[in-house]
Amino acid sequence: MMQGAGFEVIDLGHDVPPERFVEAVKQHRPQLLGLSALLSTTMPMMRTTVAALEQAGLLGRPAC
């Protein structure tokens, strides 16, 4: 749906470890990062991913 709206989408796939998100954000420098959880049992890993991004200093930074 995001591609259909004109966004460039970089799909990292499923079961992505937090470290891979950190690497992808450093490489692609996105203005927007989306995470998806189809089951509530997978949602706790989102907190871990956000913490990894925060620890890497990648949250709240300007994209350019």
PDB file of N, CA and C in Angstrom:
ATOM      1  N   MET A   1       0.818  -1.190   0.000  1.00  0.00           N
ATOM      2  CA  MET A   1       0.000   0.000   0.000  1.00  0.00           C
ATOM      3  C   MET A   1       0.865   1.259   0.000  1.00  0.00           C
ATOM      4  N   MET A   2       1.976   1.205   0.699  1.00  0.00           N
ATOM      5  CA  MET A   2       2.855   2.376   0.733  1.00  0.00           C
ATOM      6  C   MET A   2       3.440   2.646  -0.652  1.00  0.00           C
ATOM      7  N   GLN A   3       3.839   1.607  -1.359  1.00  0.00           N
ATOM      8  CA  GLN A   3       4.359   1.790  -2.714  1.00  0.00           C
ATOM      9  C   GLN A   3       3.298   2.399  -3.614  1.00  0.00           C
ATOM     10  N   GLY A   4       2.077   1.947  -3.487  1.00  0.00           N
ATOM     11  CA  GLY A   4       0.980   2.469  -4.277  1.00  0.00           C
ATOM     12  C   GLY A   4       0.725   3.944  -4.016  1.00  0.00           C
ATOM     13  N   ALA A   5       1.103   4.399  -2.816  1.00  0.00           N
ATOM     14  CA  ALA A   5       0.944   5.807  -2.459  1.00  0.00           C
ATOM     15  C   ALA A   5       2.149   6.642  -2.883  1.00  0.00           C
ATOM     16  N   GLY A   6       3.126   6.008  -3.537  1.00  0.00           N
ATOM     17  CA  GLY A   6       4.272   6.750  -4.049  1.00  0.00           C
ATOM     18  C   GLY A   6       5.512   6.708  -3.182  1.00  0.00           C
ATOM     19  N   PHE A   7       5.486   5.955  -2.098  1.00  0.00           N
ATOM     20  CA  PHE A   7       6.664   5.832  -1.240  1.00  0.00           C
ATOM     21  C   PHE A   7       7.615   4.786  -1.805  1.00  0.00           C
ATOM     22  N   GLU A   8       8.912   5.004  -1.623  1.00  0.00           N
ATOM     23  CA  GLU A   8       9.898   3.964  -1.919  1.00  0.00           C
ATOM     24  C   GLU A   8       9.930   3.050  -0.706  1.00  0.00           C
ATOM     25  N   VAL A   9       9.731   1.775  -0.931  1.00  0.00           N
ATOM     26  CA  VAL A   9       9.660   0.815   0.175  1.00  0.00           C
ATOM     27  C   VAL A   9      10.852  -0.132   0.104  1.00  0.00           C
ATOM     28  N   ILE A  10      11.526  -0.298   1.220  1.00  0.00           N
ATOM     29  CA  ILE A  10      12.619  -1.258   1.337  1.00  0.00           C
ATOM     30  C   ILE A  10      12.138  -2.319   2.310  1.00  0.00           C
ATOM     31  N   ASP A  11      11.809  -3.484   1.792  1.00  0.00           N
ATOM     32  CA  ASP A  11      11.242  -4.571   2.592  1.00  0.00           C
ATOM     33  C   ASP A  11      12.381  -5.449   3.095  1.00  0.00           C
ATOM     34  N   LEU A  12      12.547  -5.500   4.406  1.00  0.00           N
ATOM     35  CA  LEU A  12      13.602  -6.325   4.987  1.00  0.00           C
ATOM     36  C   LEU A  12      13.155  -7.769   5.193  1.00  0.00           C
ATOM     37  N   GLY A  13      11.884  -8.049   4.950  1.00  0.00           N
ATOM     38  CA  GLY A  13      11.387  -9.413   5.095  1.00  0.00           C
ATOM     39  C   GLY A  13      10.769  -9.655   6.454  1.00  0.00           C
ATOM     40  N   HIS A  14      10.713 -10.920   6.835  1.00  0.00           N
ATOM     41  CA  HIS A  14      10.110 -11.277   8.118  1.00  0.00           C
ATOM     42  C   HIS A  14      11.173 -11.856   9.057  1.00  0.00           C
ATOM     43  N   ASP A  15      10.850 -11.857  10.334  1.00  0.00           N
ATOM     44  CA  ASP A  15      11.773 -12.339  11.371  1.00  0.00           C
ATOM     45  C   ASP A  15      13.121 -11.624  11.293  1.00  0.00           C
ATOM     46  N   VAL A  16      13.063 -10.301  11.243  1.00  0.00           N
ATOM     47  CA  VAL A  16      14.262  -9.484  11.099  1.00  0.00           C
ATOM     48  C   VAL A  16      14.808  -9.124  12.480  1.00  0.00           C
ATOM     49  N   PRO A  17      16.063  -9.434  12.759  1.00  0.00           N
ATOM     50  CA  PRO A  17      16.641  -9.073  14.060  1.00  0.00           C
ATOM     51  C   PRO A  17      16.862  -7.562  14.161  1.00  0.00           C
ATOM     52  N   PRO A  18      16.847  -7.022  15.371  1.00  0.00           N
ATOM     53  CA  PRO A  18      17.030  -5.578  15.568  1.00  0.00           C
ATOM     54  C   PRO A  18      18.299  -5.041  14.913  1.00  0.00           C
ATOM     55  N   GLU A  19      19.366  -5.806  14.921  1.00  0.00           N
ATOM     56  CA  GLU A  19      20.625  -5.347  14.347  1.00  0.00           C
ATOM     57  C   GLU A  19      20.487  -5.075  12.845  1.00  0.00           C
ATOM     58  N   ARG A  20      19.659  -5.847  12.185  1.00  0.00           N
ATOM     59  CA  ARG A  20      19.467  -5.647  10.742  1.00  0.00           C
ATOM     60  C   ARG A  20      18.706  -4.348  10.481  1.00  0.00           C
ATOM     61  N   PHE A  21      17.753  -4.015  11.357  1.00  0.00           N
ATOM     62  CA  PHE A  21      17.065  -2.732  11.235  1.00  0.00           C
ATOM     63  C   PHE A  21      18.052  -1.584  11.412  1.00  0.00           C
ATOM     64  N   VAL A  22      18.926  -1.695  12.399  1.00  0.00           N
ATOM     65  CA  VAL A  22      19.926  -0.649  12.641  1.00  0.00           C
ATOM     66  C   VAL A  22      20.796  -0.476  11.402  1.00  0.00           C
ATOM     67  N   GLU A  23      21.268  -1.572  10.839  1.00  0.00           N
ATOM     68  CA  GLU A  23      22.106  -1.497   9.630  1.00  0.00           C
ATOM     69  C   GLU A  23      21.354  -0.856   8.470  1.00  0.00           C
ATOM     70  N   ALA A  24      20.095  -1.245   8.277  1.00  0.00           N
ATOM     71  CA  ALA A  24      19.307  -0.720   7.156  1.00  0.00           C
ATOM     72  C   ALA A  24      19.030   0.768   7.320  1.00  0.00           C
ATOM     73  N   VAL A  25      18.757   1.198   8.546  1.00  0.00           N
ATOM     74  CA  VAL A  25      18.505   2.629   8.781  1.00  0.00           C
ATOM     75  C   VAL A  25      19.775   3.430   8.529  1.00  0.00           C
ATOM     76  N   LYS A  26      20.905   2.905   8.955  1.00  0.00           N
ATOM     77  CA  LYS A  26      22.172   3.598   8.688  1.00  0.00           C
ATOM     78  C   LYS A  26      22.446   3.681   7.191  1.00  0.00           C
ATOM     79  N   GLN A  27      22.146   2.619   6.468  1.00  0.00           N
ATOM     80  CA  GLN A  27      22.437   2.567   5.036  1.00  0.00           C
ATOM     81  C   GLN A  27      21.477   3.432   4.220  1.00  0.00           C
ATOM     82  N   HIS A  28      20.184   3.322   4.488  1.00  0.00           N
ATOM     83  CA  HIS A  28      19.176   3.965   3.630  1.00  0.00           C
ATOM     84  C   HIS A  28      18.704   5.330   4.140  1.00  0.00           C
ATOM     85  N   ARG A  29      18.951   5.629   5.409  1.00  0.00           N
ATOM     86  CA  ARG A  29      18.567   6.912   6.012  1.00  0.00           C
ATOM     87  C   ARG A  29      17.114   7.295   5.704  1.00  0.00           C
ATOM     88  N   PRO A  30      16.159   6.450   6.079  1.00  0.00           N
ATOM     89  CA  PRO A  30      14.756   6.714   5.754  1.00  0.00           C
ATOM     90  C   PRO A  30      14.175   7.852   6.585  1.00  0.00           C
ATOM     91  N   GLN A  31      13.170   8.497   6.022  1.00  0.00           N
ATOM     92  CA  GLN A  31      12.421   9.508   6.764  1.00  0.00           C
ATOM     93  C   GLN A  31      11.347   8.848   7.612  1.00  0.00           C
ATOM     94  N   LEU A  32      10.978   7.628   7.257  1.00  0.00           N
ATOM     95  CA  LEU A  32       9.909   6.898   7.930  1.00  0.00           C
ATOM     96  C   LEU A  32      10.310   5.444   8.041  1.00  0.00           C
ATOM     97  N   LEU A  33      10.084   4.859   9.198  1.00  0.00           N
ATOM     98  CA  LEU A  33      10.369   3.439   9.409  1.00  0.00           C
ATOM     99  C   LEU A  33       9.095   2.780   9.897  1.00  0.00           C
ATOM    100  N   GLY A  34       8.695   1.722   9.237  1.00  0.00           N
ATOM    101  CA  GLY A  34       7.500   0.997   9.643  1.00  0.00           C
ATOM    102  C   GLY A  34       7.850  -0.396  10.121  1.00  0.00           C
ATOM    103  N   LEU A  35       7.203  -0.800  11.199  1.00  0.00           N
ATOM    104  CA  LEU A  35       7.338  -2.158  11.715  1.00  0.00           C
ATOM    105  C   LEU A  35       5.956  -2.784  11.703  1.00  0.00           C
ATOM    106  N   SER A  36       5.880  -4.065  11.451  1.00  0.00           N
ATOM    107  CA  SER A  36       4.591  -4.741  11.391  1.00  0.00           C
ATOM    108  C   SER A  36       4.621  -5.982  12.262  1.00  0.00           C
ATOM    109  N   ALA A  37       3.538  -6.194  12.987  1.00  0.00           N
ATOM    110  CA  ALA A  37       3.376  -7.408  13.783  1.00  0.00           C
ATOM    111  C   ALA A  37       1.970  -7.930  13.532  1.00  0.00           C
ATOM    112  N   LEU A  38       1.881  -9.109  12.985  1.00  0.00           N
ATOM    113  CA  LEU A  38       0.574  -9.679  12.679  1.00  0.00           C
ATOM    114  C   LEU A  38      -0.007 -10.446  13.857  1.00  0.00           C
ATOM    115  N   LEU A  39       0.815 -10.750  14.821  1.00  0.00           N
ATOM    116  CA  LEU A  39       0.362 -11.443  16.028  1.00  0.00           C
ATOM    117  C   LEU A  39       0.823 -10.662  17.245  1.00  0.00           C
ATOM    118  N   SER A  40      -0.010 -10.611  18.253  1.00  0.00           N
ATOM    119  CA  SER A  40       0.378  -9.867  19.456  1.00  0.00           C
ATOM    120  C   SER A  40       1.594 -10.498  20.134  1.00  0.00           C
ATOM    121  N   THR A  41       1.853 -11.765  19.864  1.00  0.00           N
ATOM    122  CA  THR A  41       3.030 -12.407  20.468  1.00  0.00           C
ATOM    123  C   THR A  41       4.331 -11.894  19.865  1.00  0.00           C
ATOM    124  N   THR A  42       4.271 -11.286  18.698  1.00  0.00           N
ATOM    125  CA  THR A  42       5.481 -10.759  18.072  1.00  0.00           C
ATOM    126  C   THR A  42       5.739  -9.302  18.433  1.00  0.00           C
ATOM    127  N   MET A  43       4.767  -8.649  19.033  1.00  0.00           N
ATOM    128  CA  MET A  43       4.902  -7.231  19.346  1.00  0.00           C
ATOM    129  C   MET A  43       6.016  -6.904  20.333  1.00  0.00           C
ATOM    130  N   PRO A  44       6.326  -7.739  21.336  1.00  0.00           N
ATOM    131  CA  PRO A  44       7.422  -7.392  22.251  1.00  0.00           C
ATOM    132  C   PRO A  44       8.764  -7.177  21.554  1.00  0.00           C
ATOM    133  N   MET A  45       8.992  -7.838  20.435  1.00  0.00           N
ATOM    134  CA  MET A  45      10.259  -7.654  19.720  1.00  0.00           C
ATOM    135  C   MET A  45      10.351  -6.252  19.140  1.00  0.00           C
ATOM    136  N   MET A  46       9.214  -5.606  18.911  1.00  0.00           N
ATOM    137  CA  MET A  46       9.241  -4.225  18.427  1.00  0.00           C
ATOM    138  C   MET A  46       9.914  -3.325  19.447  1.00  0.00           C
ATOM    139  N   ARG A  47       9.636  -3.545  20.720  1.00  0.00           N
ATOM    140  CA  ARG A  47      10.266  -2.753  21.783  1.00  0.00           C
ATOM    141  C   ARG A  47      11.779  -2.942  21.752  1.00  0.00           C
ATOM    142  N   THR A  48      12.227  -4.163  21.533  1.00  0.00           N
ATOM    143  CA  THR A  48      13.658  -4.454  21.452  1.00  0.00           C
ATOM    144  C   THR A  48      14.284  -3.757  20.246  1.00  0.00           C
ATOM    145  N   THR A  49      13.569  -3.750  19.129  1.00  0.00           N
ATOM    146  CA  THR A  49      14.061  -3.097  17.918  1.00  0.00           C
ATOM    147  C   THR A  49      14.164  -1.586  18.117  1.00  0.00           C
ATOM    148  N   VAL A  50      13.143  -0.994  18.713  1.00  0.00           N
ATOM    149  CA  VAL A  50      13.168   0.451  18.978  1.00  0.00           C
ATOM    150  C   VAL A  50      14.303   0.792  19.936  1.00  0.00           C
ATOM    151  N   ALA A  51      14.530  -0.051  20.941  1.00  0.00           N
ATOM    152  CA  ALA A  51      15.632   0.178  21.884  1.00  0.00           C
ATOM    153  C   ALA A  51      16.979   0.104  21.172  1.00  0.00           C
ATOM    154  N   ALA A  52      17.123  -0.819  20.233  1.00  0.00           N
ATOM    155  CA  ALA A  52      18.380  -0.935  19.480  1.00  0.00           C
ATOM    156  C   ALA A  52      18.602   0.301  18.611  1.00  0.00           C
ATOM    157  N   LEU A  53      17.538   0.801  17.995  1.00  0.00           N
ATOM    158  CA  LEU A  53      17.653   2.016  17.190  1.00  0.00           C
ATOM    159  C   LEU A  53      18.001   3.216  18.070  1.00  0.00           C
ATOM    160  N   GLU A  54      17.408   3.272  19.245  1.00  0.00           N
ATOM    161  CA  GLU A  54      17.693   4.371  20.172  1.00  0.00           C
ATOM    162  C   GLU A  54      19.144   4.310  20.649  1.00  0.00           C
ATOM    163  N   GLN A  55      19.609   3.115  20.980  1.00  0.00           N
ATOM    164  CA  GLN A  55      20.983   2.946  21.449  1.00  0.00           C
ATOM    165  C   GLN A  55      21.987   3.328  20.358  1.00  0.00           C
ATOM    166  N   ALA A  56      21.609   3.107  19.103  1.00  0.00           N
ATOM    167  CA  ALA A  56      22.495   3.460  17.989  1.00  0.00           C
ATOM    168  C   ALA A  56      22.391   4.935  17.628  1.00  0.00           C
ATOM    169  N   GLY A  57      21.540   5.674  18.334  1.00  0.00           N
ATOM    170  CA  GLY A  57      21.403   7.100  18.087  1.00  0.00           C
ATOM    171  C   GLY A  57      20.639   7.428  16.811  1.00  0.00           C
ATOM    172  N   LEU A  58      19.727   6.544  16.413  1.00  0.00           N
ATOM    173  CA  LEU A  58      19.028   6.708  15.155  1.00  0.00           C
ATOM    174  C   LEU A  58      17.582   7.170  15.301  1.00  0.00           C
ATOM    175  N   LEU A  59      17.122   7.380  16.505  1.00  0.00           N
ATOM    176  CA  LEU A  59      15.744   7.861  16.697  1.00  0.00           C
ATOM    177  C   LEU A  59      15.729   9.366  16.833  1.00  0.00           C
ATOM    178  N   GLY A  60      14.753   9.981  16.170  1.00  0.00           N
ATOM    179  CA  GLY A  60      14.581  11.418  16.300  1.00  0.00           C
ATOM    180  C   GLY A  60      15.620  12.260  15.600  1.00  0.00           C
ATOM    181  N   ARG A  61      16.424  11.659  14.754  1.00  0.00           N
ATOM    182  CA  ARG A  61      17.445  12.405  14.034  1.00  0.00           C
ATOM    183  C   ARG A  61      16.889  12.884  12.701  1.00  0.00           C
ATOM    184  N   PRO A  62      17.382  13.974  12.174  1.00  0.00           N
ATOM    185  CA  PRO A  62      16.971  14.401  10.834  1.00  0.00           C
ATOM    186  C   PRO A  62      17.418  13.382   9.790  1.00  0.00           C
ATOM    187  N   ALA A  63      16.618  13.208   8.761  1.00  0.00           N
ATOM    188  CA  ALA A  63      16.927  12.225   7.720  1.00  0.00           C
ATOM    189  C   ALA A  63      18.042  12.681   6.789  1.00  0.00           C
ATOM    190  N   CYS A  64      18.273  13.979   6.682  1.00  0.00           N
ATOM    191  CA  CYS A  64      19.309  14.420   5.750  1.00  0.00           C
ATOM    192  C   CYS A  64      20.520  14.956   6.455  1.00  0.00           C
TER     193      CYS A  64
END
